N, C-alpha and C. Protein backbone atom coordinates (compact mmCIF):
# COMPACT_ATOMS: atom_id res chain seq x y z
N LEU A 1 -7.07 -23.56 0.44
CA LEU A 1 -6.10 -24.12 -0.46
C LEU A 1 -6.25 -25.63 -0.43
N SER A 2 -6.42 -26.25 -1.58
CA SER A 2 -6.59 -27.70 -1.62
C SER A 2 -5.71 -28.32 -2.71
N VAL A 3 -5.29 -29.53 -2.43
CA VAL A 3 -4.55 -30.34 -3.39
C VAL A 3 -5.30 -31.65 -3.51
N VAL A 4 -5.57 -32.08 -4.74
CA VAL A 4 -6.29 -33.33 -4.97
C VAL A 4 -5.44 -34.24 -5.83
N SER A 5 -5.34 -35.50 -5.41
CA SER A 5 -4.61 -36.51 -6.17
C SER A 5 -5.52 -37.72 -6.33
N ILE A 6 -5.84 -38.05 -7.55
CA ILE A 6 -6.66 -39.23 -7.84
C ILE A 6 -5.71 -40.41 -8.04
N GLY A 7 -6.04 -41.54 -7.43
CA GLY A 7 -5.19 -42.73 -7.56
C GLY A 7 -5.16 -43.48 -6.25
N ASN A 8 -3.99 -43.96 -5.88
CA ASN A 8 -3.86 -44.70 -4.63
C ASN A 8 -4.09 -43.78 -3.44
N THR A 9 -4.64 -44.37 -2.38
CA THR A 9 -4.79 -43.64 -1.13
C THR A 9 -3.44 -43.67 -0.40
N ILE A 10 -3.34 -42.92 0.67
CA ILE A 10 -2.12 -42.96 1.49
C ILE A 10 -1.92 -44.37 2.03
N ALA A 11 -2.99 -45.00 2.51
CA ALA A 11 -2.89 -46.36 3.07
C ALA A 11 -2.45 -47.36 2.01
N GLN A 12 -2.91 -47.20 0.79
CA GLN A 12 -2.48 -48.10 -0.29
C GLN A 12 -1.02 -47.85 -0.66
N SER A 13 -0.63 -46.59 -0.75
CA SER A 13 0.74 -46.25 -1.14
C SER A 13 1.77 -46.70 -0.11
N ILE A 14 1.45 -46.58 1.17
CA ILE A 14 2.42 -46.91 2.22
C ILE A 14 2.70 -48.41 2.26
N GLU A 15 1.85 -49.20 1.65
CA GLU A 15 2.09 -50.65 1.57
C GLU A 15 3.36 -50.99 0.78
N THR A 16 3.88 -50.06 0.00
CA THR A 16 5.08 -50.32 -0.78
C THR A 16 6.36 -49.90 -0.05
N THR A 17 6.25 -49.52 1.21
CA THR A 17 7.40 -49.06 1.98
C THR A 17 8.34 -50.23 2.29
N ASP A 18 9.47 -49.93 2.89
CA ASP A 18 10.43 -50.97 3.25
C ASP A 18 9.87 -51.88 4.34
N ASP A 19 10.45 -53.06 4.49
CA ASP A 19 9.93 -54.07 5.41
C ASP A 19 9.95 -53.61 6.87
N GLU A 20 10.98 -52.89 7.30
CA GLU A 20 11.06 -52.44 8.69
C GLU A 20 9.92 -51.46 9.02
N THR A 21 9.71 -50.49 8.14
CA THR A 21 8.63 -49.52 8.34
C THR A 21 7.28 -50.23 8.31
N LYS A 22 7.12 -51.16 7.38
CA LYS A 22 5.86 -51.90 7.27
C LYS A 22 5.59 -52.69 8.55
N SER A 23 6.61 -53.32 9.10
CA SER A 23 6.46 -54.09 10.33
C SER A 23 6.03 -53.20 11.49
N ASP A 24 6.67 -52.04 11.63
CA ASP A 24 6.30 -51.09 12.68
C ASP A 24 4.88 -50.58 12.49
N MET A 25 4.51 -50.33 11.22
CA MET A 25 3.16 -49.84 10.93
C MET A 25 2.12 -50.90 11.28
N TYR A 26 2.37 -52.14 10.92
CA TYR A 26 1.42 -53.21 11.23
C TYR A 26 1.26 -53.38 12.74
N ALA A 27 2.34 -53.20 13.50
CA ALA A 27 2.25 -53.29 14.96
C ALA A 27 1.35 -52.18 15.50
N TYR A 28 1.49 -50.95 14.95
CA TYR A 28 0.65 -49.83 15.34
C TYR A 28 -0.82 -50.13 15.02
N VAL A 29 -1.07 -50.64 13.82
CA VAL A 29 -2.43 -50.96 13.41
C VAL A 29 -3.02 -52.04 14.31
N LYS A 30 -2.27 -53.08 14.57
CA LYS A 30 -2.76 -54.18 15.42
C LYS A 30 -3.13 -53.70 16.82
N LYS A 31 -2.33 -52.79 17.35
CA LYS A 31 -2.55 -52.29 18.71
C LYS A 31 -3.84 -51.46 18.82
N HIS A 32 -4.17 -50.69 17.76
CA HIS A 32 -5.26 -49.72 17.87
C HIS A 32 -6.49 -50.02 17.02
N LYS A 33 -6.45 -51.08 16.22
CA LYS A 33 -7.60 -51.39 15.37
C LYS A 33 -8.80 -51.72 16.26
N SER A 34 -9.95 -51.12 15.90
CA SER A 34 -11.16 -51.28 16.71
C SER A 34 -12.37 -50.96 15.85
N ARG A 35 -13.52 -50.91 16.47
CA ARG A 35 -14.73 -50.49 15.74
C ARG A 35 -14.62 -49.03 15.30
N VAL A 36 -13.85 -48.25 16.03
CA VAL A 36 -13.69 -46.82 15.73
C VAL A 36 -12.64 -46.61 14.64
N PHE A 37 -11.54 -47.35 14.71
CA PHE A 37 -10.42 -47.14 13.78
C PHE A 37 -10.16 -48.41 12.97
N ASP A 38 -10.34 -48.33 11.65
CA ASP A 38 -10.02 -49.47 10.80
C ASP A 38 -8.54 -49.43 10.42
N ALA A 39 -8.07 -50.48 9.77
CA ALA A 39 -6.65 -50.60 9.43
C ALA A 39 -6.18 -49.46 8.52
N ASP A 40 -6.97 -49.12 7.50
CA ASP A 40 -6.53 -48.07 6.58
C ASP A 40 -6.41 -46.71 7.25
N THR A 41 -7.32 -46.39 8.15
CA THR A 41 -7.24 -45.12 8.86
C THR A 41 -5.99 -45.07 9.73
N LEU A 42 -5.68 -46.16 10.40
CA LEU A 42 -4.47 -46.21 11.24
C LEU A 42 -3.20 -46.19 10.39
N LYS A 43 -3.22 -46.84 9.23
CA LYS A 43 -2.07 -46.77 8.32
C LYS A 43 -1.85 -45.33 7.86
N THR A 44 -2.94 -44.61 7.64
CA THR A 44 -2.83 -43.21 7.22
C THR A 44 -2.21 -42.37 8.32
N VAL A 45 -2.64 -42.55 9.56
CA VAL A 45 -2.03 -41.84 10.69
C VAL A 45 -0.54 -42.15 10.75
N TYR A 46 -0.19 -43.41 10.65
CA TYR A 46 1.22 -43.81 10.73
C TYR A 46 2.02 -43.20 9.57
N ALA A 47 1.43 -43.19 8.39
CA ALA A 47 2.14 -42.73 7.19
C ALA A 47 2.45 -41.23 7.20
N VAL A 48 1.70 -40.43 7.96
CA VAL A 48 1.94 -38.98 7.93
C VAL A 48 2.99 -38.53 8.95
N GLN A 49 3.69 -39.47 9.57
CA GLN A 49 4.75 -39.11 10.51
C GLN A 49 6.02 -38.74 9.74
N ASP A 50 6.82 -37.89 10.32
CA ASP A 50 8.08 -37.45 9.72
C ASP A 50 8.98 -38.65 9.40
N GLY A 51 9.49 -38.69 8.18
CA GLY A 51 10.42 -39.75 7.79
C GLY A 51 9.77 -41.03 7.34
N ILE A 52 8.45 -41.12 7.40
CA ILE A 52 7.75 -42.31 6.92
C ILE A 52 7.37 -42.04 5.46
N SER A 53 7.76 -42.94 4.60
CA SER A 53 7.53 -42.74 3.17
C SER A 53 7.37 -44.08 2.49
N ARG A 54 6.69 -44.07 1.36
CA ARG A 54 6.61 -45.28 0.55
C ARG A 54 7.94 -45.54 -0.15
N ILE A 55 8.78 -44.51 -0.20
CA ILE A 55 10.09 -44.60 -0.86
C ILE A 55 11.10 -45.14 0.14
N ASP A 56 11.97 -46.02 -0.32
CA ASP A 56 13.00 -46.62 0.52
C ASP A 56 13.87 -45.53 1.14
N GLN A 57 13.85 -45.40 2.45
CA GLN A 57 14.57 -44.34 3.15
C GLN A 57 16.08 -44.58 3.20
N LYS A 58 16.52 -45.80 3.02
CA LYS A 58 17.97 -46.08 3.04
C LYS A 58 18.64 -45.50 1.80
N ASN A 59 17.95 -45.55 0.67
CA ASN A 59 18.50 -45.03 -0.58
C ASN A 59 18.08 -43.59 -0.87
N ASN A 60 17.02 -43.13 -0.21
CA ASN A 60 16.52 -41.78 -0.42
C ASN A 60 16.02 -41.23 0.91
N PRO A 61 16.93 -40.79 1.79
CA PRO A 61 16.52 -40.38 3.14
C PRO A 61 15.75 -39.07 3.22
N LYS A 62 15.47 -38.43 2.11
CA LYS A 62 14.75 -37.16 2.14
C LYS A 62 13.24 -37.34 2.05
N GLY A 63 12.76 -38.55 1.89
CA GLY A 63 11.33 -38.79 1.74
C GLY A 63 10.58 -38.61 3.05
N GLY A 64 9.29 -38.33 2.93
CA GLY A 64 8.43 -38.30 4.10
C GLY A 64 8.43 -37.02 4.89
N VAL A 65 8.66 -35.87 4.25
CA VAL A 65 8.63 -34.60 4.98
C VAL A 65 7.74 -33.54 4.36
N GLY A 66 7.29 -33.71 3.13
CA GLY A 66 6.52 -32.68 2.44
C GLY A 66 5.21 -32.33 3.11
N LEU A 67 4.46 -33.33 3.51
CA LEU A 67 3.19 -33.09 4.19
C LEU A 67 3.42 -32.38 5.51
N ILE A 68 4.44 -32.79 6.22
CA ILE A 68 4.75 -32.17 7.52
C ILE A 68 5.08 -30.70 7.34
N ASP A 69 5.75 -30.36 6.26
CA ASP A 69 6.04 -28.95 6.00
C ASP A 69 4.75 -28.15 5.77
N MET A 70 3.76 -28.76 5.12
CA MET A 70 2.47 -28.08 4.95
C MET A 70 1.78 -27.88 6.29
N VAL A 71 1.79 -28.91 7.13
CA VAL A 71 1.19 -28.80 8.46
C VAL A 71 1.91 -27.72 9.27
N SER A 72 3.23 -27.69 9.18
CA SER A 72 4.01 -26.69 9.91
C SER A 72 3.67 -25.27 9.44
N PHE A 73 3.44 -25.10 8.15
CA PHE A 73 3.05 -23.79 7.61
C PHE A 73 1.72 -23.34 8.22
N VAL A 74 0.73 -24.22 8.23
CA VAL A 74 -0.57 -23.88 8.81
C VAL A 74 -0.41 -23.61 10.31
N ASN A 75 0.36 -24.45 10.98
CA ASN A 75 0.57 -24.28 12.41
C ASN A 75 1.26 -22.95 12.73
N SER A 76 2.17 -22.50 11.87
CA SER A 76 2.87 -21.24 12.13
C SER A 76 1.89 -20.08 12.16
N MET A 77 0.81 -20.16 11.40
CA MET A 77 -0.20 -19.11 11.43
C MET A 77 -0.93 -19.10 12.77
N VAL A 78 -1.21 -20.27 13.31
CA VAL A 78 -1.87 -20.36 14.60
C VAL A 78 -0.94 -19.85 15.69
N GLU A 79 0.32 -20.27 15.65
CA GLU A 79 1.29 -19.84 16.67
C GLU A 79 1.52 -18.34 16.65
N ASN A 80 1.51 -17.74 15.45
CA ASN A 80 1.73 -16.30 15.32
C ASN A 80 0.46 -15.51 15.54
N LYS A 81 -0.62 -16.19 15.91
CA LYS A 81 -1.92 -15.57 16.18
C LYS A 81 -2.51 -14.87 14.97
N THR A 82 -1.98 -15.20 13.77
CA THR A 82 -2.54 -14.59 12.57
C THR A 82 -3.78 -15.32 12.09
N ASN A 83 -3.87 -16.61 12.41
CA ASN A 83 -5.03 -17.41 12.00
C ASN A 83 -5.32 -18.44 13.08
N THR A 84 -6.02 -18.03 14.10
CA THR A 84 -6.25 -18.94 15.21
C THR A 84 -7.19 -20.09 14.85
N ASP A 85 -7.91 -19.98 13.73
CA ASP A 85 -8.78 -21.07 13.32
C ASP A 85 -8.22 -21.83 12.12
N ALA A 86 -6.95 -21.67 11.82
CA ALA A 86 -6.33 -22.38 10.71
C ALA A 86 -6.36 -23.88 10.98
N ALA A 87 -6.49 -24.66 9.91
CA ALA A 87 -6.54 -26.11 10.04
C ALA A 87 -6.12 -26.74 8.72
N LEU A 88 -5.74 -28.00 8.79
CA LEU A 88 -5.41 -28.77 7.60
C LEU A 88 -6.12 -30.12 7.73
N ALA A 89 -6.82 -30.51 6.68
CA ALA A 89 -7.54 -31.79 6.68
C ALA A 89 -6.99 -32.66 5.56
N ILE A 90 -6.91 -33.94 5.84
CA ILE A 90 -6.51 -34.93 4.84
C ILE A 90 -7.64 -35.94 4.73
N ILE A 91 -8.14 -36.10 3.52
CA ILE A 91 -9.10 -37.16 3.22
C ILE A 91 -8.41 -38.08 2.23
N SER A 92 -8.30 -39.33 2.59
CA SER A 92 -7.63 -40.31 1.73
C SER A 92 -8.36 -41.64 1.87
N GLY A 93 -8.96 -42.08 0.77
CA GLY A 93 -9.81 -43.27 0.86
C GLY A 93 -10.99 -42.95 1.75
N SER A 94 -11.17 -43.72 2.80
CA SER A 94 -12.26 -43.45 3.74
C SER A 94 -11.73 -42.91 5.06
N SER A 95 -10.50 -42.38 5.04
CA SER A 95 -9.88 -41.84 6.25
C SER A 95 -9.88 -40.32 6.22
N CYS A 96 -10.06 -39.73 7.39
CA CYS A 96 -9.98 -38.27 7.53
C CYS A 96 -9.12 -37.95 8.75
N LEU A 97 -8.07 -37.16 8.54
CA LEU A 97 -7.22 -36.66 9.62
C LEU A 97 -7.39 -35.16 9.65
N LEU A 98 -7.59 -34.62 10.84
CA LEU A 98 -7.81 -33.19 10.99
C LEU A 98 -6.74 -32.60 11.90
N PHE A 99 -5.85 -31.81 11.30
CA PHE A 99 -4.80 -31.10 12.05
C PHE A 99 -5.37 -29.75 12.44
N LYS A 100 -5.86 -29.65 13.66
CA LYS A 100 -6.37 -28.38 14.16
C LYS A 100 -6.36 -28.42 15.68
N ASP A 101 -6.62 -27.26 16.28
CA ASP A 101 -6.65 -27.13 17.73
C ASP A 101 -5.34 -27.66 18.31
N GLU A 102 -5.41 -28.51 19.31
CA GLU A 102 -4.19 -29.00 19.95
C GLU A 102 -3.41 -29.97 19.05
N TYR A 103 -4.00 -30.42 17.96
CA TYR A 103 -3.32 -31.34 17.05
C TYR A 103 -2.93 -30.65 15.74
N CYS A 104 -2.74 -29.36 15.79
CA CYS A 104 -2.41 -28.61 14.58
C CYS A 104 -0.92 -28.70 14.23
N SER A 105 -0.12 -29.18 15.14
CA SER A 105 1.32 -29.17 14.87
C SER A 105 1.96 -30.53 15.06
N TYR A 106 3.17 -30.61 14.64
CA TYR A 106 4.05 -31.74 14.92
C TYR A 106 5.01 -31.27 16.00
N GLY A 107 4.50 -30.88 17.12
CA GLY A 107 5.32 -30.28 18.17
C GLY A 107 6.22 -31.23 18.90
N HIS A 108 5.94 -32.52 18.82
CA HIS A 108 6.72 -33.50 19.57
C HIS A 108 7.79 -34.11 18.66
N PHE A 109 8.99 -34.19 19.17
CA PHE A 109 10.07 -34.77 18.40
C PHE A 109 10.51 -36.07 19.03
N GLU A 110 10.75 -37.06 18.22
CA GLU A 110 11.26 -38.34 18.67
C GLU A 110 12.36 -38.75 17.70
N GLU A 111 13.58 -38.89 18.20
CA GLU A 111 14.72 -39.25 17.35
C GLU A 111 14.83 -38.31 16.16
N ASP A 112 14.74 -37.01 16.40
CA ASP A 112 14.81 -35.99 15.35
C ASP A 112 13.69 -36.08 14.32
N ARG A 113 12.59 -36.71 14.68
CA ARG A 113 11.44 -36.81 13.79
C ARG A 113 10.26 -36.09 14.43
N ARG A 114 9.55 -35.32 13.62
CA ARG A 114 8.32 -34.69 14.08
C ARG A 114 7.20 -35.73 14.00
N ILE A 115 6.43 -35.86 15.07
CA ILE A 115 5.36 -36.84 15.08
C ILE A 115 4.06 -36.21 15.56
N GLN A 116 2.94 -36.79 15.10
CA GLN A 116 1.62 -36.36 15.56
C GLN A 116 0.71 -37.59 15.54
N PHE A 117 0.47 -38.15 16.71
CA PHE A 117 -0.39 -39.33 16.81
C PHE A 117 -1.80 -39.00 17.29
N PHE A 118 -2.13 -37.71 17.34
CA PHE A 118 -3.50 -37.26 17.59
C PHE A 118 -4.07 -37.76 18.93
N ASN A 119 -3.25 -37.76 19.96
CA ASN A 119 -3.76 -38.03 21.30
C ASN A 119 -3.07 -37.07 22.26
N ASP A 120 -3.59 -36.94 23.48
CA ASP A 120 -3.11 -35.91 24.40
C ASP A 120 -1.63 -36.02 24.72
N SER A 121 -1.09 -37.23 24.71
CA SER A 121 0.33 -37.43 25.01
C SER A 121 1.18 -37.50 23.74
N ASN A 122 0.54 -37.46 22.57
CA ASN A 122 1.22 -37.63 21.29
C ASN A 122 2.09 -38.88 21.34
N ASP A 123 1.48 -39.96 21.76
CA ASP A 123 2.17 -41.21 22.06
C ASP A 123 1.69 -42.32 21.11
N ILE A 124 2.62 -42.96 20.46
CA ILE A 124 2.29 -44.04 19.51
C ILE A 124 1.58 -45.20 20.18
N THR A 125 1.77 -45.36 21.49
CA THR A 125 1.15 -46.49 22.19
C THR A 125 -0.30 -46.23 22.57
N LEU A 126 -0.78 -45.01 22.37
CA LEU A 126 -2.17 -44.66 22.67
C LEU A 126 -2.96 -44.44 21.39
N PRO A 127 -4.25 -44.74 21.39
CA PRO A 127 -5.05 -44.54 20.17
C PRO A 127 -5.27 -43.06 19.88
N PRO A 128 -5.55 -42.74 18.62
CA PRO A 128 -5.84 -41.34 18.27
C PRO A 128 -7.18 -40.87 18.84
N ASN A 129 -7.33 -39.56 18.91
CA ASN A 129 -8.59 -38.96 19.34
C ASN A 129 -9.60 -39.09 18.19
N PRO A 130 -10.75 -39.73 18.41
CA PRO A 130 -11.70 -39.95 17.33
C PRO A 130 -12.38 -38.69 16.80
N HIS A 131 -12.18 -37.55 17.46
CA HIS A 131 -12.71 -36.30 16.93
C HIS A 131 -11.81 -35.73 15.83
N TYR A 132 -10.57 -36.22 15.75
CA TYR A 132 -9.59 -35.70 14.79
C TYR A 132 -9.12 -36.75 13.80
N VAL A 133 -9.38 -38.00 14.07
CA VAL A 133 -9.07 -39.12 13.17
C VAL A 133 -10.35 -39.92 13.01
N LYS A 134 -10.84 -39.99 11.76
CA LYS A 134 -12.15 -40.60 11.55
C LYS A 134 -12.15 -41.51 10.33
N LYS A 135 -13.00 -42.52 10.42
CA LYS A 135 -13.31 -43.34 9.25
C LYS A 135 -14.59 -42.76 8.66
N LEU A 136 -14.56 -42.42 7.40
CA LEU A 136 -15.70 -41.81 6.73
C LEU A 136 -16.65 -42.88 6.19
N ASP A 137 -17.87 -42.49 5.93
CA ASP A 137 -18.87 -43.41 5.37
C ASP A 137 -18.74 -43.56 3.86
N TYR A 138 -17.84 -42.81 3.25
CA TYR A 138 -17.64 -42.89 1.81
C TYR A 138 -16.15 -43.07 1.52
N PHE A 139 -15.84 -43.43 0.28
CA PHE A 139 -14.46 -43.68 -0.13
C PHE A 139 -14.08 -42.73 -1.25
N PHE A 140 -13.01 -41.96 -1.05
CA PHE A 140 -12.48 -41.11 -2.11
C PHE A 140 -11.29 -41.83 -2.73
N PRO A 141 -11.27 -42.02 -4.04
CA PRO A 141 -10.19 -42.78 -4.69
C PRO A 141 -8.92 -41.95 -4.88
N GLY A 142 -8.26 -41.65 -3.80
CA GLY A 142 -7.05 -40.82 -3.83
C GLY A 142 -6.93 -40.05 -2.54
N THR A 143 -6.37 -38.85 -2.64
CA THR A 143 -6.14 -38.03 -1.45
C THR A 143 -6.48 -36.58 -1.73
N ILE A 144 -7.14 -35.97 -0.76
CA ILE A 144 -7.41 -34.53 -0.77
C ILE A 144 -6.73 -33.95 0.46
N ILE A 145 -5.93 -32.91 0.26
CA ILE A 145 -5.34 -32.17 1.37
C ILE A 145 -5.87 -30.76 1.27
N SER A 146 -6.51 -30.29 2.31
CA SER A 146 -7.13 -28.97 2.29
C SER A 146 -6.68 -28.17 3.50
N ALA A 147 -6.13 -26.99 3.25
CA ALA A 147 -5.71 -26.10 4.33
C ALA A 147 -6.69 -24.93 4.40
N ARG A 148 -7.07 -24.58 5.63
CA ARG A 148 -7.98 -23.45 5.83
C ARG A 148 -7.26 -22.39 6.64
N PHE A 149 -7.22 -21.20 6.08
CA PHE A 149 -6.68 -20.05 6.80
C PHE A 149 -7.30 -18.80 6.22
N ASP A 150 -7.34 -17.75 6.99
CA ASP A 150 -8.01 -16.52 6.63
C ASP A 150 -6.99 -15.51 6.14
N LEU A 151 -7.02 -15.18 4.86
CA LEU A 151 -6.06 -14.24 4.28
C LEU A 151 -6.22 -12.83 4.89
N GLU A 152 -7.43 -12.45 5.26
CA GLU A 152 -7.63 -11.14 5.88
C GLU A 152 -6.91 -11.05 7.22
N GLN A 153 -6.90 -12.14 7.99
CA GLN A 153 -6.19 -12.14 9.25
C GLN A 153 -4.69 -12.00 9.03
N ILE A 154 -4.17 -12.61 7.98
CA ILE A 154 -2.74 -12.49 7.67
C ILE A 154 -2.42 -11.03 7.32
N GLU A 155 -3.27 -10.44 6.48
CA GLU A 155 -3.07 -9.05 6.07
C GLU A 155 -3.14 -8.10 7.26
N ASP A 156 -4.08 -8.32 8.18
CA ASP A 156 -4.23 -7.48 9.36
C ASP A 156 -3.02 -7.57 10.28
N ALA A 157 -2.34 -8.72 10.30
CA ALA A 157 -1.17 -8.92 11.16
C ALA A 157 0.04 -8.15 10.68
N ASP A 158 0.06 -7.80 9.38
CA ASP A 158 1.22 -7.08 8.82
C ASP A 158 1.24 -5.67 9.25
């Protein structure tokens, strides 16, 4: 199952967020920017956290949960043993995030927010695992979200 959106990348879109979120995001980027992780890839990681949205959260507090619901759906298949190889990939600009294996879920909650920072401690102060967060050699002008799951495994579980 794939969804394709041509236009701004996640990193470009999150630049329109409120000043407080932008400040926190820039601090995250500054802490982890390296030869492995560029600013846009780190902005993309930050942007996919629960409650982070390009939309002003003070006036519209429901923003920033749709993607997490998709990840939770894929993760529920893994947890129910119906699709142990289920995964969700996001390609946006030159960034790739891979929700699979131990990073398939938003299992950690912080202040009632589901978070996934793609490291063993799921900790914002640590850099992501480069096997699951990557800078690509090409640029896609928009975002692709692709979920992989086996329909036969779902049918067999019933």
